[in-house]
PDB file of N, CA and C in Angstrom:
ATOM      1  N   UNK A   1     105.901 190.460 245.723  1.00  0.00           N
ATOM      2  CA  UNK A   1     104.844 191.808 245.113  1.00  0.00           C
ATOM      3  C   UNK A   1     105.556 192.272 243.865  1.00  0.00           C
ATOM      4  N   UNK A   2     104.300 192.304 242.965  1.00  0.00           N
ATOM      5  CA  UNK A   2     104.303 192.718 241.452  1.00  0.00           C
ATOM      6  C   UNK A   2     104.975 194.129 241.166  1.00  0.00           C
ATOM      7  N   UNK A   3     105.563 193.763 240.673  1.00  0.00           N
ATOM      8  CA  UNK A   3     106.518 195.476 240.319  1.00  0.00           C
ATOM      9  C   UNK A   3     105.214 196.353 239.419  1.00  0.00           C
ATOM     10  N   UNK A   4     105.602 197.692 240.445  1.00  0.00           N
ATOM     11  CA  UNK A   4     104.517 198.934 239.854  1.00  0.00           C
ATOM     12  C   UNK A   4     104.614 199.018 238.611  1.00  0.00           C
ATOM     13  N   UNK A   5     103.883 199.324 237.352  1.00  0.00           N
ATOM     14  CA  UNK A   5     103.857 199.673 236.453  1.00  0.00           C
ATOM     15  C   UNK A   5     104.279 201.408 236.164  1.00  0.00           C
ATOM     16  N   UNK A   6     105.146 201.598 235.099  1.00  0.00           N
ATOM     17  CA  UNK A   6     106.026 202.826 235.365  1.00  0.00           C
ATOM     18  C   UNK A   6     105.225 203.567 233.457  1.00  0.00           C
ATOM     19  N   UNK A   7     105.658 205.271 233.775  1.00  0.00           N
ATOM     20  CA  UNK A   7     104.896 205.299 232.254  1.00  0.00           C
ATOM     21  C   UNK A   7     106.263 204.842 231.628  1.00  0.00           C
ATOM     22  N   UNK A   8     106.538 204.690 230.470  1.00  0.00           N
ATOM     23  CA  UNK A   8     106.901 204.684 229.454  1.00  0.00           C
ATOM     24  C   UNK A   8     106.921 205.193 227.853  1.00  0.00           C
ATOM     25  N   UNK A   9     107.737 206.067 227.097  1.00  0.00           N
ATOM     26  CA  UNK A   9     107.393 206.207 225.832  1.00  0.00           C
ATOM     27  C   UNK A   9     107.122 205.515 225.063  1.00  0.00           C
ATOM     28  N   UNK A  10     106.930 205.610 223.711  1.00  0.00           N
ATOM     29  CA  UNK A  10     106.529 204.532 222.726  1.00  0.00           C
ATOM     30  C   UNK A  10     107.915 204.625 222.136  1.00  0.00           C
ATOM     31  N   UNK A  11     107.554 203.025 221.295  1.00  0.00           N
ATOM     32  CA  UNK A  11     109.137 202.659 221.250  1.00  0.00           C
ATOM     33  C   UNK A  11     110.160 203.503 220.142  1.00  0.00           C
ATOM     34  N   UNK A  12     111.212 203.754 220.501  1.00  0.00           N
ATOM     35  CA  UNK A  12     112.092 204.801 219.111  1.00  0.00           C
ATOM     36  C   UNK A  12     111.989 205.015 218.142  1.00  0.00           C
ATOM     37  N   UNK A  13     111.753 203.524 217.575  1.00  0.00           N
ATOM     38  CA  UNK A  13     111.595 203.663 216.190  1.00  0.00           C
ATOM     39  C   UNK A  13     110.201 204.064 215.986  1.00  0.00           C
ATOM     40  N   UNK A  14     109.398 204.183 216.666  1.00  0.00           N
ATOM     41  CA  UNK A  14     107.401 204.932 216.166  1.00  0.00           C
ATOM     42  C   UNK A  14     108.274 206.210 216.256  1.00  0.00           C
ATOM     43  N   UNK A  15     109.092 207.398 216.889  1.00  0.00           N
ATOM     44  CA  UNK A  15     108.928 208.462 217.602  1.00  0.00           C
ATOM     45  C   UNK A  15     110.201 209.334 216.717  1.00  0.00           C
ATOM     46  N   UNK A  16     110.103 210.720 216.539  1.00  0.00           N
ATOM     47  CA  UNK A  16     111.223 211.399 216.000  1.00  0.00           C
ATOM     48  C   UNK A  16     111.451 212.192 217.287  1.00  0.00           C
ATOM     49  N   UNK A  17     113.177 211.518 216.995  1.00  0.00           N
ATOM     50  CA  UNK A  17     114.178 213.282 218.345  1.00  0.00           C
ATOM     51  C   UNK A  17     114.789 213.680 217.263  1.00  0.00           C
ATOM     52  N   UNK A  18     114.714 214.734 218.587  1.00  0.00           N
ATOM     53  CA  UNK A  18     115.700 216.319 218.012  1.00  0.00           C
ATOM     54  C   UNK A  18     115.787 216.820 218.992  1.00  0.00           C
ATOM     55  N   UNK A  19     117.271 217.358 219.023  1.00  0.00           N
ATOM     56  CA  UNK A  19     118.271 217.806 220.033  1.00  0.00           C
ATOM     57  C   UNK A  19     118.480 219.259 219.879  1.00  0.00           C
ATOM     58  N   UNK A  20     118.228 220.855 219.820  1.00  0.00           N
ATOM     59  CA  UNK A  20     118.488 222.160 219.707  1.00  0.00           C
ATOM     60  C   UNK A  20     119.123 222.625 220.584  1.00  0.00           C
ATOM     61  N   UNK A  21     120.206 223.801 220.211  1.00  0.00           N
ATOM     62  CA  UNK A  21     120.482 224.406 220.824  1.00  0.00           C
ATOM     63  C   UNK A  21     119.424 225.447 221.571  1.00  0.00           C
ATOM     64  N   UNK A  22     119.656 226.017 222.603  1.00  0.00           N
ATOM     65  CA  UNK A  22     119.533 227.462 222.930  1.00  0.00           C
ATOM     66  C   UNK A  22     119.954 228.027 223.642  1.00  0.00           C
ATOM     67  N   UNK A  23     120.804 229.625 222.666  1.00  0.00           N
ATOM     68  CA  UNK A  23     121.538 230.241 223.688  1.00  0.00           C
ATOM     69  C   UNK A  23     121.253 231.364 224.592  1.00  0.00           C
ATOM     70  N   UNK A  24     122.278 231.318 225.203  1.00  0.00           N
ATOM     71  CA  UNK A  24     121.963 232.252 226.432  1.00  0.00           C
ATOM     72  C   UNK A  24     123.308 233.612 226.426  1.00  0.00           C
ATOM     73  N   UNK A  25     122.053 234.541 226.891  1.00  0.00           N
ATOM     74  CA  UNK A  25     122.785 235.782 226.884  1.00  0.00           C
ATOM     75  C   UNK A  25     124.797 236.137 227.059  1.00  0.00           C
ATOM     76  N   UNK A  26     124.922 235.107 228.130  1.00  0.00           N
ATOM     77  CA  UNK A  26     126.143 234.776 228.235  1.00  0.00           C
ATOM     78  C   UNK A  26     127.189 233.578 227.621  1.00  0.00           C
ATOM     79  N   UNK A  27     128.043 234.206 226.324  1.00  0.00           N
ATOM     80  CA  UNK A  27     129.000 233.228 225.719  1.00  0.00           C
ATOM     81  C   UNK A  27     129.203 232.468 226.537  1.00  0.00           C
ATOM     82  N   UNK A  28     129.096 230.937 226.003  1.00  0.00           N
ATOM     83  CA  UNK A  28     129.301 229.969 226.448  1.00  0.00           C
ATOM     84  C   UNK A  28     128.432 229.259 227.694  1.00  0.00           C
ATOM     85  N   UNK A  29     127.466 229.848 227.221  1.00  0.00           N
ATOM     86  CA  UNK A  29     125.974 229.331 228.181  1.00  0.00           C
ATOM     87  C   UNK A  29     124.719 228.684 226.835  1.00  0.00           C
ATOM     88  N   UNK A  30     124.263 227.383 227.688  1.00  0.00           N
ATOM     89  CA  UNK A  30     123.256 227.304 226.487  1.00  0.00           C
ATOM     90  C   UNK A  30     122.192 226.319 227.449  1.00  0.00           C
ATOM     91  N   UNK A  31     121.223 226.613 226.634  1.00  0.00           N
ATOM     92  CA  UNK A  31     119.865 225.275 227.311  1.00  0.00           C
ATOM     93  C   UNK A  31     120.361 224.081 225.637  1.00  0.00           C
ATOM     94  N   UNK A  32     120.359 223.058 226.374  1.00  0.00           N
ATOM     95  CA  UNK A  32     120.067 222.048 224.944  1.00  0.00           C
ATOM     96  C   UNK A  32     119.091 221.020 225.345  1.00  0.00           C
ATOM     97  N   UNK A  33     118.424 221.462 224.381  1.00  0.00           N
ATOM     98  CA  UNK A  33     116.909 221.043 224.308  1.00  0.00           C
ATOM     99  C   UNK A  33     116.529 219.321 223.121  1.00  0.00           C
ATOM    100  N   UNK A  34     116.300 218.021 224.372  1.00  0.00           N
ATOM    101  CA  UNK A  34     115.685 217.044 223.269  1.00  0.00           C
ATOM    102  C   UNK A  34     114.277 216.743 223.624  1.00  0.00           C
ATOM    103  N   UNK A  35     113.995 216.698 222.035  1.00  0.00           N
ATOM    104  CA  UNK A  35     112.097 216.699 222.449  1.00  0.00           C
ATOM    105  C   UNK A  35     112.423 214.974 221.567  1.00  0.00           C
ATOM    106  N   UNK A  36     111.098 214.322 222.017  1.00  0.00           N
ATOM    107  CA  UNK A  36     110.860 212.674 221.702  1.00  0.00           C
ATOM    108  C   UNK A  36     109.392 212.877 221.147  1.00  0.00           C
ATOM    109  N   UNK A  37     108.747 213.169 219.839  1.00  0.00           N
ATOM    110  CA  UNK A  37     107.907 213.044 219.378  1.00  0.00           C
ATOM    111  C   UNK A  37     107.127 211.801 218.903  1.00  0.00           C
ATOM    112  N   UNK A  38     106.092 211.698 219.590  1.00  0.00           N
ATOM    113  CA  UNK A  38     104.988 210.827 218.938  1.00  0.00           C
ATOM    114  C   UNK A  38     103.372 211.565 218.556  1.00  0.00           C
ATOM    115  N   UNK A  39     103.030 211.129 217.312  1.00  0.00           N
ATOM    116  CA  UNK A  39     101.671 211.169 216.798  1.00  0.00           C
ATOM    117  C   UNK A  39     101.546 212.924 217.320  1.00  0.00           C
ATOM    118  N   UNK A  40     102.182 213.746 217.110  1.00  0.00           N
ATOM    119  CA  UNK A  40     102.053 215.072 217.226  1.00  0.00           C
ATOM    120  C   UNK A  40     102.555 215.679 218.813  1.00  0.00           C
ATOM    121  N   UNK A  41     102.925 214.708 219.470  1.00  0.00           N
ATOM    122  CA  UNK A  41     102.768 215.112 221.125  1.00  0.00           C
ATOM    123  C   UNK A  41     104.175 214.964 221.755  1.00  0.00           C
ATOM    124  N   UNK A  42     104.656 215.844 222.432  1.00  0.00           N
ATOM    125  CA  UNK A  42     106.054 215.580 223.214  1.00  0.00           C
ATOM    126  C   UNK A  42     105.586 214.251 224.110  1.00  0.00           C
ATOM    127  N   UNK A  43     106.677 213.412 223.893  1.00  0.00           N
ATOM    128  CA  UNK A  43     106.521 212.169 224.734  1.00  0.00           C
ATOM    129  C   UNK A  43     107.176 211.411 225.755  1.00  0.00           C
ATOM    130  N   UNK A  44     108.381 212.599 225.628  1.00  0.00           N
ATOM    131  CA  UNK A  44     109.739 212.741 226.209  1.00  0.00           C
ATOM    132  C   UNK A  44     110.742 213.787 225.881  1.00  0.00           C
ATOM    133  N   UNK A  45     111.109 214.175 227.023  1.00  0.00           N
ATOM    134  CA  UNK A  45     112.203 215.374 226.271  1.00  0.00           C
ATOM    135  C   UNK A  45     113.305 215.592 227.914  1.00  0.00           C
ATOM    136  N   UNK A  46     114.229 216.859 227.894  1.00  0.00           N
ATOM    137  CA  UNK A  46     115.121 217.048 228.547  1.00  0.00           C
ATOM    138  C   UNK A  46     115.889 218.380 228.126  1.00  0.00           C
ATOM    139  N   UNK A  47     115.818 218.937 228.993  1.00  0.00           N
ATOM    140  CA  UNK A  47     116.105 220.405 229.087  1.00  0.00           C
ATOM    141  C   UNK A  47     117.148 220.565 230.056  1.00  0.00           C
ATOM    142  N   UNK A  48     118.385 220.912 229.272  1.00  0.00           N
ATOM    143  CA  UNK A  48     119.719 220.932 230.246  1.00  0.00           C
ATOM    144  C   UNK A  48     120.038 221.822 229.966  1.00  0.00           C
ATOM    145  N   UNK A  49     120.923 222.544 230.799  1.00  0.00           N
ATOM    146  CA  UNK A  49     121.880 223.537 230.781  1.00  0.00           C
ATOM    147  C   UNK A  49     122.910 223.344 231.146  1.00  0.00           C
ATOM    148  N   UNK A  50     123.719 223.798 230.361  1.00  0.00           N
ATOM    149  CA  UNK A  50     125.070 223.495 230.356  1.00  0.00           C
ATOM    150  C   UNK A  50     126.413 224.921 229.956  1.00  0.00           C
ATOM    151  N   UNK A  51     127.122 224.962 230.679  1.00  0.00           N
ATOM    152  CA  UNK A  51     128.183 225.774 230.877  1.00  0.00           C
ATOM    153  C   UNK A  51     129.815 225.396 229.970  1.00  0.00           C
ATOM    154  N   UNK A  52     130.613 225.897 228.951  1.00  0.00           N
ATOM    155  CA  UNK A  52     131.752 226.099 229.042  1.00  0.00           C
ATOM    156  C   UNK A  52     132.571 225.876 230.100  1.00  0.00           C
ATOM    157  N   UNK A  53     133.044 225.250 230.389  1.00  0.00           N
ATOM    158  CA  UNK A  53     134.114 225.129 230.910  1.00  0.00           C
ATOM    159  C   UNK A  53     135.151 224.515 231.570  1.00  0.00           C
ATOM    160  N   UNK A  54     136.729 225.045 231.192  1.00  0.00           N
ATOM    161  CA  UNK A  54     138.090 224.326 231.031  1.00  0.00           C
ATOM    162  C   UNK A  54     137.573 223.937 230.009  1.00  0.00           C
ATOM    163  N   UNK A  55     137.279 223.980 228.784  1.00  0.00           N
ATOM    164  CA  UNK A  55     137.273 223.300 227.546  1.00  0.00           C
ATOM    165  C   UNK A  55     136.697 222.695 227.201  1.00  0.00           C
ATOM    166  N   UNK A  56     135.555 222.528 228.110  1.00  0.00           N
ATOM    167  CA  UNK A  56     134.156 221.134 227.849  1.00  0.00           C
ATOM    168  C   UNK A  56     133.363 221.790 228.427  1.00  0.00           C
ATOM    169  N   UNK A  57     132.297 220.809 227.927  1.00  0.00           N
ATOM    170  CA  UNK A  57     130.647 221.488 228.119  1.00  0.00           C
ATOM    171  C   UNK A  57     130.235 220.491 229.335  1.00  0.00           C
ATOM    172  N   UNK A  58     129.799 221.064 230.175  1.00  0.00           N
ATOM    173  CA  UNK A  58     129.294 220.537 231.983  1.00  0.00           C
ATOM    174  C   UNK A  58     127.856 220.835 232.049  1.00  0.00           C
ATOM    175  N   UNK A  59     127.128 219.994 232.642  1.00  0.00           N
ATOM    176  CA  UNK A  59     126.023 220.110 232.801  1.00  0.00           C
ATOM    177  C   UNK A  59     125.674 220.820 233.775  1.00  0.00           C
ATOM    178  N   UNK A  60     124.621 221.751 234.310  1.00  0.00           N
ATOM    179  CA  UNK A  60     124.818 222.583 235.076  1.00  0.00           C
ATOM    180  C   UNK A  60     122.945 222.108 235.910  1.00  0.00           C
ATOM    181  N   UNK A  61     121.825 222.267 235.288  1.00  0.00           N
ATOM    182  CA  UNK A  61     120.639 221.559 235.677  1.00  0.00           C
ATOM    183  C   UNK A  61     119.991 221.446 234.796  1.00  0.00           C
ATOM    184  N   UNK A  62     118.729 220.438 235.070  1.00  0.00           N
ATOM    185  CA  UNK A  62     118.544 219.719 234.151  1.00  0.00           C
ATOM    186  C   UNK A  62     116.867 219.455 234.760  1.00  0.00           C
ATOM    187  N   UNK A  63     115.902 219.529 233.085  1.00  0.00           N
ATOM    188  CA  UNK A  63     114.404 218.852 233.932  1.00  0.00           C
ATOM    189  C   UNK A  63     114.423 217.790 232.770  1.00  0.00           C
ATOM    190  N   UNK A  64     114.097 216.795 233.243  1.00  0.00           N
ATOM    191  CA  UNK A  64     113.744 215.592 232.186  1.00  0.00           C
ATOM    192  C   UNK A  64     112.720 214.771 232.997  1.00  0.00           C
ATOM    193  N   UNK A  65     112.573 213.871 231.793  1.00  0.00           N
ATOM    194  CA  UNK A  65     111.353 212.480 232.498  1.00  0.00           C
ATOM    195  C   UNK A  65     112.089 211.162 232.281  1.00  0.00           C
ATOM    196  N   UNK A  66     112.027 210.793 233.731  1.00  0.00           N
ATOM    197  CA  UNK A  66     112.598 209.833 234.261  1.00  0.00           C
ATOM    198  C   UNK A  66     112.191 208.453 234.718  1.00  0.00           C
ATOM    199  N   UNK A  67     112.185 207.328 235.084  1.00  0.00           N
ATOM    200  CA  UNK A  67     111.140 206.868 236.055  1.00  0.00           C
ATOM    201  C   UNK A  67     110.191 207.097 236.161  1.00  0.00           C
ATOM    202  N   UNK A  68     109.499 207.867 235.466  1.00  0.00           N
ATOM    203  CA  UNK A  68     107.997 207.690 235.377  1.00  0.00           C
ATOM    204  C   UNK A  68     107.833 208.817 236.201  1.00  0.00           C
ATOM    205  N   UNK A  69     108.912 210.134 235.939  1.00  0.00           N
ATOM    206  CA  UNK A  69     108.339 211.044 236.970  1.00  0.00           C
ATOM    207  C   UNK A  69     109.193 212.232 236.334  1.00  0.00           C
ATOM    208  N   UNK A  70     107.947 213.581 235.566  1.00  0.00           N
ATOM    209  CA  UNK A  70     109.118 214.411 235.834  1.00  0.00           C
ATOM    210  C   UNK A  70     110.122 215.518 236.800  1.00  0.00           C
ATOM    211  N   UNK A  71     111.421 215.755 236.825  1.00  0.00           N
ATOM    212  CA  UNK A  71     111.665 215.917 237.741  1.00  0.00           C
ATOM    213  C   UNK A  71     113.209 217.027 237.215  1.00  0.00           C
ATOM    214  N   UNK A  72     113.643 217.561 238.094  1.00  0.00           N
ATOM    215  CA  UNK A  72     114.478 218.420 238.008  1.00  0.00           C
ATOM    216  C   UNK A  72     115.570 218.202 238.976  1.00  0.00           C
ATOM    217  N   UNK A  73     117.425 218.493 238.189  1.00  0.00           N
ATOM    218  CA  UNK A  73     118.479 218.623 239.080  1.00  0.00           C
ATOM    219  C   UNK A  73     118.918 219.441 238.899  1.00  0.00           C
ATOM    220  N   UNK A  74     119.700 219.910 239.990  1.00  0.00           N
ATOM    221  CA  UNK A  74     121.034 220.782 240.308  1.00  0.00           C
ATOM    222  C   UNK A  74     122.444 220.559 240.376  1.00  0.00           C
ATOM    223  N   UNK A  75     123.048 220.677 239.841  1.00  0.00           N
ATOM    224  CA  UNK A  75     124.833 220.233 240.119  1.00  0.00           C
ATOM    225  C   UNK A  75     125.599 221.540 240.664  1.00  0.00           C
ATOM    226  N   UNK A  76     126.379 220.943 241.671  1.00  0.00           N
ATOM    227  CA  UNK A  76     127.554 222.089 241.617  1.00  0.00           C
ATOM    228  C   UNK A  76     128.630 221.672 241.413  1.00  0.00           C
ATOM    229  N   UNK A  77     129.062 222.626 241.006  1.00  0.00           N
ATOM    230  CA  UNK A  77     130.728 222.451 240.266  1.00  0.00           C
ATOM    231  C   UNK A  77     131.662 221.675 241.112  1.00  0.00           C
ATOM    232  N   UNK A  78     131.937 222.212 242.367  1.00  0.00           N
ATOM    233  CA  UNK A  78     132.921 221.428 243.212  1.00  0.00           C
ATOM    234  C   UNK A  78     132.850 219.741 243.092  1.00  0.00           C
ATOM    235  N   UNK A  79     131.296 219.506 243.690  1.00  0.00           N
ATOM    236  CA  UNK A  79     131.376 217.703 243.832  1.00  0.00           C
ATOM    237  C   UNK A  79     130.580 217.137 243.158  1.00  0.00           C
ATOM    238  N   UNK A  80     130.085 218.217 241.864  1.00  0.00           N
ATOM    239  CA  UNK A  80     129.449 217.188 240.826  1.00  0.00           C
ATOM    240  C   UNK A  80     128.136 216.680 241.491  1.00  0.00           C
ATOM    241  N   UNK A  81     127.534 217.078 242.397  1.00  0.00           N
ATOM    242  CA  UNK A  81     126.591 216.663 243.211  1.00  0.00           C
ATOM    243  C   UNK A  81     125.152 217.109 242.611  1.00  0.00           C
ATOM    244  N   UNK A  82     124.120 216.056 242.589  1.00  0.00           N
ATOM    245  CA  UNK A  82     123.052 217.062 242.439  1.00  0.00           C
ATOM    246  C   UNK A  82     122.258 217.358 243.809  1.00  0.00           C
ATOM    247  N   UNK A  83     122.374 218.480 243.859  1.00  0.00           N
ATOM    248  CA  UNK A  83     121.585 218.935 245.241  1.00  0.00           C
ATOM    249  C   UNK A  83     120.358 218.758 245.755  1.00  0.00           C
ATOM    250  N   UNK A  84     119.497 218.599 244.449  1.00  0.00           N
ATOM    251  CA  UNK A  84     118.255 218.487 244.472  1.00  0.00           C
ATOM    252  C   UNK A  84     117.460 216.674 244.294  1.00  0.00           C
ATOM    253  N   UNK A  85     118.773 216.150 244.161  1.00  0.00           N
ATOM    254  CA  UNK A  85     118.111 214.778 244.190  1.00  0.00           C
ATOM    255  C   UNK A  85     117.160 214.353 243.155  1.00  0.00           C
ATOM    256  N   UNK A  86     117.044 214.710 242.387  1.00  0.00           N
ATOM    257  CA  UNK A  86     115.813 214.481 241.368  1.00  0.00           C
ATOM    258  C   UNK A  86     114.779 214.868 241.961  1.00  0.00           C
ATOM    259  N   UNK A  87     114.531 216.069 242.000  1.00  0.00           N
ATOM    260  CA  UNK A  87     113.070 216.868 242.820  1.00  0.00           C
ATOM    261  C   UNK A  87     111.900 216.171 241.594  1.00  0.00           C
ATOM    262  N   UNK A  88     111.394 215.671 242.594  1.00  0.00           N
ATOM    263  CA  UNK A  88     110.037 215.371 241.224  1.00  0.00           C
ATOM    264  C   UNK A  88     109.326 216.784 241.350  1.00  0.00           C
ATOM    265  N   UNK A  89     108.461 216.513 239.968  1.00  0.00           N
ATOM    266  CA  UNK A  89     108.264 218.167 240.073  1.00  0.00           C
ATOM    267  C   UNK A  89     106.215 217.367 239.452  1.00  0.00           C
ATOM    268  N   UNK A  90     106.181 216.195 238.468  1.00  0.00           N
ATOM    269  CA  UNK A  90     105.315 215.529 238.053  1.00  0.00           C
ATOM    270  C   UNK A  90     105.061 214.123 237.904  1.00  0.00           C
ATOM    271  N   UNK A  91     104.183 213.202 238.521  1.00  0.00           N
ATOM    272  CA  UNK A  91     104.251 211.940 238.433  1.00  0.00           C
ATOM    273  C   UNK A  91     103.589 211.892 237.287  1.00  0.00           C
ATOM    274  N   UNK A  92     104.462 211.072 236.070  1.00  0.00           N
ATOM    275  CA  UNK A  92     103.554 210.783 234.630  1.00  0.00           C
ATOM    276  C   UNK A  92     102.826 209.121 235.031  1.00  0.00           C
ATOM    277  N   UNK A  93     101.215 209.467 234.897  1.00  0.00           N
ATOM    278  CA  UNK A  93     100.731 207.979 234.745  1.00  0.00           C
ATOM    279  C   UNK A  93     101.049 206.831 233.553  1.00  0.00           C
ATOM    280  N   UNK A  94     100.809 205.851 234.032  1.00  0.00           N
ATOM    281  CA  UNK A  94     101.144 205.064 233.169  1.00  0.00           C
ATOM    282  C   UNK A  94     100.987 204.750 231.753  1.00  0.00           C
ATOM    283  N   UNK A  95      99.747 205.033 231.732  1.00  0.00           N
ATOM    284  CA  UNK A  95      98.559 205.275 230.673  1.00  0.00           C
ATOM    285  C   UNK A  95      98.201 206.199 230.440  1.00  0.00           C
ATOM    286  N   UNK A  96      98.915 206.646 228.993  1.00  0.00           N
ATOM    287  CA  UNK A  96      98.590 208.187 228.004  1.00  0.00           C
ATOM    288  C   UNK A  96      99.177 209.056 228.381  1.00  0.00           C
ATOM    289  N   UNK A  97     100.024 208.410 229.294  1.00  0.00           N
ATOM    290  CA  UNK A  97     101.379 209.727 230.288  1.00  0.00           C
ATOM    291  C   UNK A  97     101.906 210.833 229.177  1.00  0.00           C
ATOM    292  N   UNK A  98     102.197 210.322 227.870  1.00  0.00           N
ATOM    293  CA  UNK A  98     102.470 211.421 227.115  1.00  0.00           C
ATOM    294  C   UNK A  98     101.730 212.316 226.918  1.00  0.00           C
ATOM    295  N   UNK A  99     100.612 212.485 227.327  1.00  0.00           N
ATOM    296  CA  UNK A  99      99.470 214.396 227.837  1.00  0.00           C
ATOM    297  C   UNK A  99     100.554 214.743 228.119  1.00  0.00           C
ATOM    298  N   UNK A 100     100.101 214.184 229.616  1.00  0.00           N
ATOM    299  CA  UNK A 100     101.416 214.995 230.865  1.00  0.00           C
ATOM    300  C   UNK A 100     102.286 215.832 230.363  1.00  0.00           C
ATOM    301  N   UNK A 101     103.155 214.179 229.601  1.00  0.00           N
ATOM    302  CA  UNK A 101     104.885 215.086 229.147  1.00  0.00           C
ATOM    303  C   UNK A 101     104.315 215.824 228.612  1.00  0.00           C
ATOM    304  N   UNK A 102     103.866 216.172 227.289  1.00  0.00           N
ATOM    305  CA  UNK A 102     103.443 217.125 226.237  1.00  0.00           C
ATOM    306  C   UNK A 102     102.927 218.697 227.257  1.00  0.00           C
ATOM    307  N   UNK A 103     102.209 218.773 228.081  1.00  0.00           N
ATOM    308  CA  UNK A 103     101.772 219.403 228.604  1.00  0.00           C
ATOM    309  C   UNK A 103     103.085 220.205 229.297  1.00  0.00           C
ATOM    310  N   UNK A 104     103.772 219.384 230.201  1.00  0.00           N
ATOM    311  CA  UNK A 104     104.772 219.572 230.799  1.00  0.00           C
ATOM    312  C   UNK A 104     105.930 220.607 230.471  1.00  0.00           C
ATOM    313  N   UNK A 105     106.019 220.076 228.839  1.00  0.00           N
ATOM    314  CA  UNK A 105     106.955 220.337 228.264  1.00  0.00           C
ATOM    315  C   UNK A 105     107.883 221.761 228.327  1.00  0.00           C
ATOM    316  N   UNK A 106     106.494 222.664 227.527  1.00  0.00           N
ATOM    317  CA  UNK A 106     106.835 224.114 228.005  1.00  0.00           C
ATOM    318  C   UNK A 106     107.307 224.471 229.409  1.00  0.00           C
ATOM    319  N   UNK A 107     106.159 223.978 230.179  1.00  0.00           N
ATOM    320  CA  UNK A 107     106.879 224.785 231.468  1.00  0.00           C
ATOM    321  C   UNK A 107     108.327 224.497 231.947  1.00  0.00           C
ATOM    322  N   UNK A 108     108.200 222.920 231.621  1.00  0.00           N
ATOM    323  CA  UNK A 108     109.864 222.607 231.889  1.00  0.00           C
ATOM    324  C   UNK A 108     110.808 224.008 231.311  1.00  0.00           C
ATOM    325  N   UNK A 109     110.753 224.438 229.973  1.00  0.00           N
ATOM    326  CA  UNK A 109     111.488 224.995 229.224  1.00  0.00           C
ATOM    327  C   UNK A 109     111.640 226.334 229.783  1.00  0.00           C
ATOM    328  N   UNK A 110     110.201 226.656 230.025  1.00  0.00           N
ATOM    329  CA  UNK A 110     110.234 228.301 230.485  1.00  0.00           C
ATOM    330  C   UNK A 110     111.043 228.562 231.859  1.00  0.00           C
ATOM    331  N   UNK A 111     110.756 227.296 232.839  1.00  0.00           N
ATOM    332  CA  UNK A 111     111.290 227.783 234.180  1.00  0.00           C
ATOM    333  C   UNK A 111     113.150 227.504 233.835  1.00  0.00           C
ATOM    334  N   UNK A 112     113.035 226.492 232.646  1.00  0.00           N
ATOM    335  CA  UNK A 112     114.888 226.766 232.633  1.00  0.00           C
ATOM    336  C   UNK A 112     115.270 228.001 232.214  1.00  0.00           C
ATOM    337  N   UNK A 113     114.676 228.666 230.994  1.00  0.00           N
ATOM    338  CA  UNK A 113     115.107 229.645 230.628  1.00  0.00           C
ATOM    339  C   UNK A 113     114.705 231.068 231.560  1.00  0.00           C
ATOM    340  N   UNK A 114     113.486 231.079 232.371  1.00  0.00           N
ATOM    341  CA  UNK A 114     113.506 232.119 233.176  1.00  0.00           C
ATOM    342  C   UNK A 114     114.845 231.960 234.473  1.00  0.00           C
ATOM    343  N   UNK A 115     115.395 230.980 235.081  1.00  0.00           N
ATOM    344  CA  UNK A 115     116.059 230.489 236.110  1.00  0.00           C
ATOM    345  C   UNK A 115     117.314 230.356 235.553  1.00  0.00           C
ATOM    346  N   UNK A 116     117.600 230.028 234.600  1.00  0.00           N
ATOM    347  CA  UNK A 116     119.670 229.680 234.139  1.00  0.00           C
ATOM    348  C   UNK A 116     120.464 230.728 234.850  1.00  0.00           C
ATOM    349  N   UNK A 117     120.117 231.798 235.091  1.00  0.00           N
ATOM    350  CA  UNK A 117     121.309 232.164 235.929  1.00  0.00           C
ATOM    351  C   UNK A 117     121.017 232.248 237.030  1.00  0.00           C
ATOM    352  N   UNK A 118     119.807 232.151 237.904  1.00  0.00           N
ATOM    353  CA  UNK A 118     120.483 231.201 239.349  1.00  0.00           C
ATOM    354  C   UNK A 118     120.699 229.739 239.368  1.00  0.00           C
ATOM    355  N   UNK A 119     120.660 229.250 238.239  1.00  0.00           N
ATOM    356  CA  UNK A 119     121.474 227.955 238.406  1.00  0.00           C
ATOM    357  C   UNK A 119     122.484 228.422 238.361  1.00  0.00           C
ATOM    358  N   UNK A 120     123.254 228.648 237.079  1.00  0.00           N
ATOM    359  CA  UNK A 120     124.316 229.103 237.172  1.00  0.00           C
ATOM    360  C   UNK A 120     125.427 229.640 238.443  1.00  0.00           C
ATOM    361  N   UNK A 121     124.822 229.884 239.297  1.00  0.00           N
ATOM    362  CA  UNK A 121     125.300 230.754 240.717  1.00  0.00           C
ATOM    363  C   UNK A 121     125.221 229.433 241.272  1.00  0.00           C
ATOM    364  N   UNK A 122     124.205 228.903 241.274  1.00  0.00           N
ATOM    365  CA  UNK A 122     124.652 227.641 242.264  1.00  0.00           C
ATOM    366  C   UNK A 122     125.198 226.897 242.096  1.00  0.00           C
ATOM    367  N   UNK A 123     125.534 226.425 241.296  1.00  0.00           N
ATOM    368  CA  UNK A 123     126.926 225.654 240.421  1.00  0.00           C
ATOM    369  C   UNK A 123     127.983 226.073 240.220  1.00  0.00           C
ATOM    370  N   UNK A 124     128.848 227.576 240.801  1.00  0.00           N
ATOM    371  CA  UNK A 124     129.155 228.053 240.779  1.00  0.00           C
ATOM    372  C   UNK A 124     129.766 227.774 242.314  1.00  0.00           C
ATOM    373  N   UNK A 125     128.696 227.936 243.168  1.00  0.00           N
ATOM    374  CA  UNK A 125     128.572 228.138 244.787  1.00  0.00           C
ATOM    375  C   UNK A 125     128.698 229.470 245.168  1.00  0.00           C
ATOM    376  N   UNK A 126     128.038 230.208 244.501  1.00  0.00           N
ATOM    377  CA  UNK A 126     127.819 232.091 244.924  1.00  0.00           C
ATOM    378  C   UNK A 126     126.774 231.718 245.759  1.00  0.00           C
ATOM    379  N   UNK A 127     126.833 232.559 246.847  1.00  0.00           N
ATOM    380  CA  UNK A 127     125.835 232.671 247.843  1.00  0.00           C
ATOM    381  C   UNK A 127     124.696 234.099 247.742  1.00  0.00           C
ATOM    382  N   UNK A 128     125.385 234.640 247.007  1.00  0.00           N
ATOM    383  CA  UNK A 128     124.970 235.950 246.783  1.00  0.00           C
ATOM    384  C   UNK A 128     124.293 236.063 246.105  1.00  0.00           C
TER     385      UNK A 128
END
């Protein structure tokens, strides 16, 4: 059976990559936003929520592009498990998928900015 085609961003040497922190209102909490740009389009990204815990940065939640899909993850502190198991948000078509990725970047960033407190509560295991 032939391998199914998946979206792949352009080669790294043809792109510009940048990572910037976005501070959240509670100290020790931030989003790290990684973008890969090709021809003025975001062709790969990751929006990662991290928290400073016991002297190191720990990933709480994430929306990124991987395996031809934009998906989200939500981790729990007690086990480190991804309770969403790479929840798919949008498939990325193999041909010119960078248009889809570029459109989704803003939505992903907005989601993470809007839901960071809920993500932190779930990571902590708070049910209230």
